Amino acid sequence: MADNATTPSSTVTAPEATFAQGFLAMLPLWAGAIPVGIAFGVAAVSSGLGPVAAQAMSLFVFSAAAQLSVVALVAGGSPALVPLLTTVLLNVHMLLFGLAAARAARPRRGMRMLTAFFLTDGAFAVALGVGRLALPALLGAGVSMYLGWNIGTALGLLLGDTISNPRRAGVDLVAPLMFLAVLAPLLRGWPELLCALLAAGTTLCVLQWLPGGLAVLAGCLAGSLTGAALPVRGAR
């Protein structure tokens, strides 16, 4: 007689989240990406950067913090090397996200550069929120944010000086608050909460002496090391 019973060793693996799931899950964060993109576009016009160069930055740099900082530096007449170094420093923390994504999603060699380009902290968090970290969801979330950011930039360039500086209205707070809304569901217990608090506290402390990217990197390291030191949930 055939044995149809499930063996104790058999496990059920949850299906990977799809590109569409990642894309749609990121759409609520457009409420933060578009206003900040508008702020960047308006600032670029005011600084004299030029619409083509500004839109090209959003298309190829794809980093809100770096782009806003570069616009301020260009307006202040900084040497060309300073904006370049600023961009690198403000994005150095993405190394950790890239390592984690490569380990979990294991993209094929031909997909690594594409995944790295669209990878953002928001896309990483959203992809985790829709299931176990998978390449399709990660790419979907990244492409979604990319579209929202570039739409916001284009709107800012089109509106230009016809609107007041949106950063004065507090739009800089929108993106962090939206990111917190994505992060909150991932804090399922005290270990996750402890890691998040230590990461945030370390970032705020280091921010007093180092640029934002390095401060975030320090916070990520603090949270990661804490998580590695904590006992695995369910372990006996």
C-alpha atoms as a PDB file:
ATOM      1  CA  MET A   1       0.000   0.000   0.000  1.00  0.00           C
ATOM      2  CA  ALA A   2       1.352   3.381  -0.952  1.00  0.00           C
ATOM      3  CA  ASP A   3       2.282   5.610   1.935  1.00  0.00           C
ATOM      4  CA  ASN A   4       0.739   9.043   1.398  1.00  0.00           C
ATOM      5  CA  ALA A   5       1.706  10.421   4.790  1.00  0.00           C
ATOM      6  CA  THR A   6       3.954  13.405   4.931  1.00  0.00           C
ATOM      7  CA  THR A   7       7.353  12.575   6.339  1.00  0.00           C
ATOM      8  CA  PRO A   8       8.620  14.605   9.296  1.00  0.00           C
ATOM      9  CA  SER A   9      11.537  15.856   7.245  1.00  0.00           C
ATOM     10  CA  SER A  10       9.361  17.318   4.492  1.00  0.00           C
ATOM     11  CA  THR A  11       8.960  21.061   4.547  1.00  0.00           C
ATOM     12  CA  VAL A  12       6.763  23.501   2.703  1.00  0.00           C
ATOM     13  CA  THR A  13       8.643  26.387   1.165  1.00  0.00           C
ATOM     14  CA  ALA A  14       6.710  29.585   0.663  1.00  0.00           C
ATOM     15  CA  PRO A  15       6.644  30.701  -2.978  1.00  0.00           C
ATOM     16  CA  GLU A  16       8.847  33.607  -3.938  1.00  0.00           C
ATOM     17  CA  ALA A  17       7.177  36.995  -4.175  1.00  0.00           C
ATOM     18  CA  THR A  18       6.787  38.164  -7.762  1.00  0.00           C
ATOM     19  CA  PHE A  19       7.960  41.268  -9.609  1.00  0.00           C
ATOM     20  CA  ALA A  20       4.385  42.582  -9.633  1.00  0.00           C
ATOM     21  CA  GLN A  21       4.030  42.103  -5.868  1.00  0.00           C
ATOM     22  CA  GLY A  22       7.204  44.073  -5.224  1.00  0.00           C
ATOM     23  CA  PHE A  23       6.183  46.792  -7.681  1.00  0.00           C
ATOM     24  CA  LEU A  24       2.705  47.223  -6.188  1.00  0.00           C
ATOM     25  CA  ALA A  25       3.954  47.074  -2.598  1.00  0.00           C
ATOM     26  CA  MET A  26       6.235  50.031  -3.317  1.00  0.00           C
ATOM     27  CA  LEU A  27       3.473  52.248  -4.735  1.00  0.00           C
ATOM     28  CA  PRO A  28       2.452  53.713  -1.331  1.00  0.00           C
ATOM     29  CA  LEU A  29       6.015  55.017  -0.957  1.00  0.00           C
ATOM     30  CA  TRP A  30       5.518  57.118  -4.069  1.00  0.00           C
ATOM     31  CA  ALA A  31       3.789  59.496  -1.669  1.00  0.00           C
ATOM     32  CA  GLY A  32       7.268  60.189  -0.316  1.00  0.00           C
ATOM     33  CA  ALA A  33       9.341  59.758  -3.469  1.00  0.00           C
ATOM     34  CA  ILE A  34       7.378  62.127  -5.690  1.00  0.00           C
ATOM     35  CA  PRO A  35       7.350  65.162  -3.335  1.00  0.00           C
ATOM     36  CA  VAL A  36      11.073  64.774  -2.638  1.00  0.00           C
ATOM     37  CA  GLY A  37      11.677  64.347  -6.372  1.00  0.00           C
ATOM     38  CA  ILE A  38       9.766  67.574  -6.971  1.00  0.00           C
ATOM     39  CA  ALA A  39      11.924  69.271  -4.338  1.00  0.00           C
ATOM     40  CA  PHE A  40      15.046  68.068  -6.138  1.00  0.00           C
ATOM     41  CA  GLY A  41      13.768  69.291  -9.508  1.00  0.00           C
ATOM     42  CA  VAL A  42      12.915  72.724  -8.135  1.00  0.00           C
ATOM     43  CA  ALA A  43      16.281  72.960  -6.362  1.00  0.00           C
ATOM     44  CA  ALA A  44      18.090  71.937  -9.545  1.00  0.00           C
ATOM     45  CA  VAL A  45      16.366  74.687 -11.526  1.00  0.00           C
ATOM     46  CA  SER A  46      17.161  77.247  -8.827  1.00  0.00           C
ATOM     47  CA  SER A  47      20.829  76.232  -8.700  1.00  0.00           C
ATOM     48  CA  GLY A  48      21.248  76.546 -12.454  1.00  0.00           C
ATOM     49  CA  LEU A  49      22.090  72.865 -12.894  1.00  0.00           C
ATOM     50  CA  GLY A  50      19.868  72.588 -15.957  1.00  0.00           C
ATOM     51  CA  PRO A  51      16.882  70.306 -16.636  1.00  0.00           C
ATOM     52  CA  VAL A  52      18.748  67.789 -18.795  1.00  0.00           C
ATOM     53  CA  ALA A  53      21.533  67.314 -16.247  1.00  0.00           C
ATOM     54  CA  ALA A  54      19.048  67.134 -13.371  1.00  0.00           C
ATOM     55  CA  GLN A  55      16.869  64.499 -15.033  1.00  0.00           C
ATOM     56  CA  ALA A  56      19.989  62.569 -16.048  1.00  0.00           C
ATOM     57  CA  MET A  57      21.037  62.487 -12.390  1.00  0.00           C
ATOM     58  CA  SER A  58      17.716  60.918 -11.424  1.00  0.00           C
ATOM     59  CA  LEU A  59      18.007  58.429 -14.275  1.00  0.00           C
ATOM     60  CA  PHE A  60      21.591  57.365 -13.594  1.00  0.00           C
ATOM     61  CA  VAL A  61      22.427  58.281  -9.981  1.00  0.00           C
ATOM     62  CA  PHE A  62      19.039  57.442  -8.420  1.00  0.00           C
ATOM     63  CA  SER A  63      19.829  58.642  -4.900  1.00  0.00           C
ATOM     64  CA  ALA A  64      17.714  61.321  -3.261  1.00  0.00           C
ATOM     65  CA  ALA A  65      20.176  62.235  -0.511  1.00  0.00           C
ATOM     66  CA  ALA A  66      23.149  62.378  -2.870  1.00  0.00           C
ATOM     67  CA  GLN A  67      21.332  64.362  -5.557  1.00  0.00           C
ATOM     68  CA  LEU A  68      19.992  66.990  -3.159  1.00  0.00           C
ATOM     69  CA  SER A  69      23.459  67.356  -1.629  1.00  0.00           C
ATOM     70  CA  VAL A  70      25.108  67.672  -5.039  1.00  0.00           C
ATOM     71  CA  VAL A  71      22.665  70.410  -6.074  1.00  0.00           C
ATOM     72  CA  ALA A  72      23.533  72.374  -2.931  1.00  0.00           C
ATOM     73  CA  LEU A  73      27.258  71.908  -3.581  1.00  0.00           C
ATOM     74  CA  VAL A  74      26.943  72.958  -7.226  1.00  0.00           C
ATOM     75  CA  ALA A  75      24.995  76.054  -6.209  1.00  0.00           C
ATOM     76  CA  GLY A  76      27.785  76.884  -3.760  1.00  0.00           C
ATOM     77  CA  GLY A  77      30.468  76.581  -6.425  1.00  0.00           C
ATOM     78  CA  SER A  78      32.215  73.509  -4.993  1.00  0.00           C
ATOM     79  CA  PRO A  79      34.939  71.810  -7.077  1.00  0.00           C
ATOM     80  CA  ALA A  80      33.764  68.863  -9.204  1.00  0.00           C
ATOM     81  CA  LEU A  81      35.503  66.304  -6.974  1.00  0.00           C
ATOM     82  CA  VAL A  82      33.496  67.302  -3.889  1.00  0.00           C
ATOM     83  CA  PRO A  83      30.047  66.326  -5.266  1.00  0.00           C
ATOM     84  CA  LEU A  84      31.529  63.053  -6.525  1.00  0.00           C
ATOM     85  CA  LEU A  85      32.959  62.129  -3.120  1.00  0.00           C
ATOM     86  CA  THR A  86      29.737  63.223  -1.436  1.00  0.00           C
ATOM     87  CA  THR A  87      27.722  60.880  -3.648  1.00  0.00           C
ATOM     88  CA  VAL A  88      29.980  57.955  -2.758  1.00  0.00           C
ATOM     89  CA  LEU A  89      29.923  58.664   0.983  1.00  0.00           C
ATOM     90  CA  LEU A  90      26.150  59.069   1.102  1.00  0.00           C
ATOM     91  CA  ASN A  91      25.663  55.689  -0.572  1.00  0.00           C
ATOM     92  CA  VAL A  92      28.396  53.599   1.022  1.00  0.00           C
ATOM     93  CA  HIS A  93      25.869  51.924   3.339  1.00  0.00           C
ATOM     94  CA  MET A  94      24.333  50.265   0.268  1.00  0.00           C
ATOM     95  CA  LEU A  95      27.251  47.822   0.394  1.00  0.00           C
ATOM     96  CA  LEU A  96      25.533  46.000   3.250  1.00  0.00           C
ATOM     97  CA  PHE A  97      22.205  45.858   1.451  1.00  0.00           C
ATOM     98  CA  GLY A  98      23.963  44.535  -1.641  1.00  0.00           C
ATOM     99  CA  LEU A  99      25.719  41.794   0.312  1.00  0.00           C
ATOM    100  CA  ALA A 100      22.488  40.760   2.021  1.00  0.00           C
ATOM    101  CA  ALA A 101      20.551  40.791  -1.247  1.00  0.00           C
ATOM    102  CA  ALA A 102      23.222  38.741  -3.038  1.00  0.00           C
ATOM    103  CA  ARG A 103      23.212  36.163  -0.272  1.00  0.00           C
ATOM    104  CA  ALA A 104      19.417  35.841  -0.039  1.00  0.00           C
ATOM    105  CA  ALA A 105      18.275  36.360  -3.629  1.00  0.00           C
ATOM    106  CA  ARG A 106      21.379  34.859  -5.300  1.00  0.00           C
ATOM    107  CA  PRO A 107      20.999  36.678  -8.625  1.00  0.00           C
ATOM    108  CA  ARG A 108      22.641  35.182 -11.703  1.00  0.00           C
ATOM    109  CA  ARG A 109      25.826  36.837 -12.870  1.00  0.00           C
ATOM    110  CA  GLY A 110      24.042  38.666 -15.667  1.00  0.00           C
ATOM    111  CA  MET A 111      21.444  40.061 -13.248  1.00  0.00           C
ATOM    112  CA  ARG A 112      23.796  41.346 -10.561  1.00  0.00           C
ATOM    113  CA  MET A 113      24.442  44.763 -12.088  1.00  0.00           C
ATOM    114  CA  LEU A 114      20.742  45.282 -12.832  1.00  0.00           C
ATOM    115  CA  THR A 115      19.796  44.318  -9.284  1.00  0.00           C
ATOM    116  CA  ALA A 116      22.503  46.549  -7.826  1.00  0.00           C
ATOM    117  CA  PHE A 117      21.327  49.554  -9.849  1.00  0.00           C
ATOM    118  CA  PHE A 118      17.713  49.371  -8.668  1.00  0.00           C
ATOM    119  CA  LEU A 119      18.577  48.408  -5.086  1.00  0.00           C
ATOM    120  CA  THR A 120      17.595  50.985  -2.473  1.00  0.00           C
ATOM    121  CA  ASP A 121      16.986  50.762   1.245  1.00  0.00           C
ATOM    122  CA  GLY A 122      13.262  51.205   0.608  1.00  0.00           C
ATOM    123  CA  ALA A 123      13.179  48.461  -2.037  1.00  0.00           C
ATOM    124  CA  PHE A 124      15.034  46.133   0.318  1.00  0.00           C
ATOM    125  CA  ALA A 125      12.534  46.742   3.128  1.00  0.00           C
ATOM    126  CA  VAL A 126       9.511  46.386   0.837  1.00  0.00           C
ATOM    127  CA  ALA A 127      10.840  43.142  -0.663  1.00  0.00           C
ATOM    128  CA  LEU A 128      11.263  41.740   2.842  1.00  0.00           C
ATOM    129  CA  GLY A 129       7.741  42.815   3.710  1.00  0.00           C
ATOM    130  CA  VAL A 130       6.090  40.804   0.918  1.00  0.00           C
ATOM    131  CA  GLY A 131       7.836  37.557   1.831  1.00  0.00           C
ATOM    132  CA  ARG A 132      11.275  36.036   1.980  1.00  0.00           C
ATOM    133  CA  LEU A 133      13.754  38.194   0.107  1.00  0.00           C
ATOM    134  CA  ALA A 134      13.611  37.230  -3.566  1.00  0.00           C
ATOM    135  CA  LEU A 135      15.093  38.749  -6.705  1.00  0.00           C
ATOM    136  CA  PRO A 136      11.786  39.326  -8.584  1.00  0.00           C
ATOM    137  CA  ALA A 137      10.209  41.252  -5.697  1.00  0.00           C
ATOM    138  CA  LEU A 138      13.418  43.194  -5.085  1.00  0.00           C
ATOM    139  CA  LEU A 139      13.606  44.249  -8.724  1.00  0.00           C
ATOM    140  CA  GLY A 140       9.898  45.072  -8.805  1.00  0.00           C
ATOM    141  CA  ALA A 141      10.167  47.319  -5.755  1.00  0.00           C
ATOM    142  CA  GLY A 142      13.293  48.991  -7.111  1.00  0.00           C
ATOM    143  CA  VAL A 143      11.808  49.672 -10.546  1.00  0.00           C
ATOM    144  CA  SER A 144       8.666  51.067  -8.915  1.00  0.00           C
ATOM    145  CA  MET A 145      10.657  53.504  -6.774  1.00  0.00           C
ATOM    146  CA  TYR A 146      12.783  54.425  -9.796  1.00  0.00           C
ATOM    147  CA  LEU A 147       9.677  55.430 -11.753  1.00  0.00           C
ATOM    148  CA  GLY A 148       8.227  57.403  -8.852  1.00  0.00           C
ATOM    149  CA  TRP A 149      11.493  59.259  -8.263  1.00  0.00           C
ATOM    150  CA  ASN A 150      11.896  60.188 -11.922  1.00  0.00           C
ATOM    151  CA  ILE A 151       8.269  61.271 -12.215  1.00  0.00           C
ATOM    152  CA  GLY A 152       8.782  63.546  -9.213  1.00  0.00           C
ATOM    153  CA  THR A 153      11.970  64.966 -10.716  1.00  0.00           C
ATOM    154  CA  ALA A 154      10.254  65.676 -14.032  1.00  0.00           C
ATOM    155  CA  LEU A 155       7.367  67.420 -12.267  1.00  0.00           C
ATOM    156  CA  GLY A 156       9.796  69.557 -10.284  1.00  0.00           C
ATOM    157  CA  LEU A 157      11.658  70.551 -13.435  1.00  0.00           C
ATOM    158  CA  LEU A 158       8.427  71.407 -15.237  1.00  0.00           C
ATOM    159  CA  LEU A 159       7.055  73.428 -12.335  1.00  0.00           C
ATOM    160  CA  GLY A 160      10.387  75.092 -11.641  1.00  0.00           C
ATOM    161  CA  ASP A 161      10.059  78.477 -10.010  1.00  0.00           C
ATOM    162  CA  THR A 162       6.262  78.520 -10.341  1.00  0.00           C
ATOM    163  CA  ILE A 163       5.996  76.954  -6.879  1.00  0.00           C
ATOM    164  CA  SER A 164       7.710  77.832  -3.640  1.00  0.00           C
ATOM    165  CA  ASN A 165      10.489  75.601  -2.401  1.00  0.00           C
ATOM    166  CA  PRO A 166       8.654  72.408  -1.346  1.00  0.00           C
ATOM    167  CA  ARG A 167      11.393  71.551   1.152  1.00  0.00           C
ATOM    168  CA  ARG A 168      10.161  74.419   3.302  1.00  0.00           C
ATOM    169  CA  ALA A 169       6.816  72.626   3.614  1.00  0.00           C
ATOM    170  CA  GLY A 170       8.514  69.705   5.323  1.00  0.00           C
ATOM    171  CA  VAL A 171       8.585  67.245   2.414  1.00  0.00           C
ATOM    172  CA  ASP A 172      11.983  66.040   3.666  1.00  0.00           C
ATOM    173  CA  LEU A 173      10.093  64.319   6.474  1.00  0.00           C
ATOM    174  CA  VAL A 174       7.755  62.440   4.148  1.00  0.00           C
ATOM    175  CA  ALA A 175      10.226  59.828   2.877  1.00  0.00           C
ATOM    176  CA  PRO A 176      11.601  58.857   6.334  1.00  0.00           C
ATOM    177  CA  LEU A 177       8.073  58.577   7.717  1.00  0.00           C
ATOM    178  CA  MET A 178       6.997  56.383   4.811  1.00  0.00           C
ATOM    179  CA  PHE A 179      10.072  54.205   5.336  1.00  0.00           C
ATOM    180  CA  LEU A 180       9.158  53.821   9.012  1.00  0.00           C
ATOM    181  CA  ALA A 181       5.682  52.724   7.946  1.00  0.00           C
ATOM    182  CA  VAL A 182       7.279  49.975   5.833  1.00  0.00           C
ATOM    183  CA  LEU A 183       9.708  48.998   8.595  1.00  0.00           C
ATOM    184  CA  ALA A 184       7.122  48.748  11.383  1.00  0.00           C
ATOM    185  CA  PRO A 185       5.491  45.467  10.223  1.00  0.00           C
ATOM    186  CA  LEU A 186       8.938  43.829  10.092  1.00  0.00           C
ATOM    187  CA  LEU A 187       9.461  44.448  13.827  1.00  0.00           C
ATOM    188  CA  ARG A 188       7.693  41.262  14.909  1.00  0.00           C
ATOM    189  CA  GLY A 189       9.335  40.847  18.301  1.00  0.00           C
ATOM    190  CA  TRP A 190      11.818  42.258  20.793  1.00  0.00           C
ATOM    191  CA  PRO A 191      14.945  41.050  18.874  1.00  0.00           C
ATOM    192  CA  GLU A 192      13.948  42.989  15.751  1.00  0.00           C
ATOM    193  CA  LEU A 193      12.950  46.018  17.815  1.00  0.00           C
ATOM    194  CA  LEU A 194      16.246  45.964  19.716  1.00  0.00           C
ATOM    195  CA  CYS A 195      18.268  45.779  16.485  1.00  0.00           C
ATOM    196  CA  ALA A 196      16.286  48.634  14.958  1.00  0.00           C
ATOM    197  CA  LEU A 197      16.684  50.852  18.029  1.00  0.00           C
ATOM    198  CA  LEU A 198      20.426  50.209  18.261  1.00  0.00           C
ATOM    199  CA  ALA A 199      20.851  50.865  14.538  1.00  0.00           C
ATOM    200  CA  ALA A 200      18.914  54.133  14.763  1.00  0.00           C
ATOM    201  CA  GLY A 201      20.736  55.247  17.914  1.00  0.00           C
ATOM    202  CA  THR A 202      24.154  54.467  16.463  1.00  0.00           C
ATOM    203  CA  THR A 203      23.313  56.324  13.254  1.00  0.00           C
ATOM    204  CA  LEU A 204      22.205  59.431  15.132  1.00  0.00           C
ATOM    205  CA  CYS A 205      25.340  59.405  17.303  1.00  0.00           C
ATOM    206  CA  VAL A 206      27.798  58.862  14.445  1.00  0.00           C
ATOM    207  CA  LEU A 207      25.981  61.494  12.373  1.00  0.00           C
ATOM    208  CA  GLN A 208      27.443  64.133  14.694  1.00  0.00           C
ATOM    209  CA  TRP A 209      30.938  63.440  13.312  1.00  0.00           C
ATOM    210  CA  LEU A 210      30.626  61.623   9.978  1.00  0.00           C
ATOM    211  CA  PRO A 211      28.618  62.102   6.747  1.00  0.00           C
ATOM    212  CA  GLY A 212      25.176  60.552   6.440  1.00  0.00           C
ATOM    213  CA  GLY A 213      26.211  57.533   4.380  1.00  0.00           C
ATOM    214  CA  LEU A 214      28.932  56.494   6.822  1.00  0.00           C
ATOM    215  CA  ALA A 215      26.606  57.117   9.759  1.00  0.00           C
ATOM    216  CA  VAL A 216      23.968  54.843   8.231  1.00  0.00           C
ATOM    217  CA  LEU A 217      26.659  52.243   7.533  1.00  0.00           C
ATOM    218  CA  ALA A 218      27.691  52.342  11.199  1.00  0.00           C
ATOM    219  CA  GLY A 219      24.055  51.962  12.233  1.00  0.00           C
ATOM    220  CA  CYS A 220      23.581  49.010   9.889  1.00  0.00           C
ATOM    221  CA  LEU A 221      26.682  47.331  11.281  1.00  0.00           C
ATOM    222  CA  ALA A 222      25.499  47.863  14.860  1.00  0.00           C
ATOM    223  CA  GLY A 223      22.075  46.412  14.088  1.00  0.00           C
ATOM    224  CA  SER A 224      23.529  43.495  12.111  1.00  0.00           C
ATOM    225  CA  LEU A 225      26.062  42.551  14.784  1.00  0.00           C
ATOM    226  CA  THR A 226      23.373  42.728  17.445  1.00  0.00           C
ATOM    227  CA  GLY A 227      21.092  40.492  15.399  1.00  0.00           C
ATOM    228  CA  ALA A 228      23.904  37.989  14.850  1.00  0.00           C
ATOM    229  CA  ALA A 229      24.633  37.860  18.589  1.00  0.00           C
ATOM    230  CA  LEU A 230      21.018  37.269  19.622  1.00  0.00           C
ATOM    231  CA  PRO A 231      19.708  33.699  19.917  1.00  0.00           C
ATOM    232  CA  VAL A 232      17.752  32.415  16.926  1.00  0.00           C
ATOM    233  CA  ARG A 233      14.014  32.410  17.582  1.00  0.00           C
ATOM    234  CA  GLY A 234      12.751  28.915  18.191  1.00  0.00           C
ATOM    235  CA  ALA A 235      16.224  27.522  18.918  1.00  0.00           C
ATOM    236  CA  ARG A 236      16.537  25.217  21.899  1.00  0.00           C
END
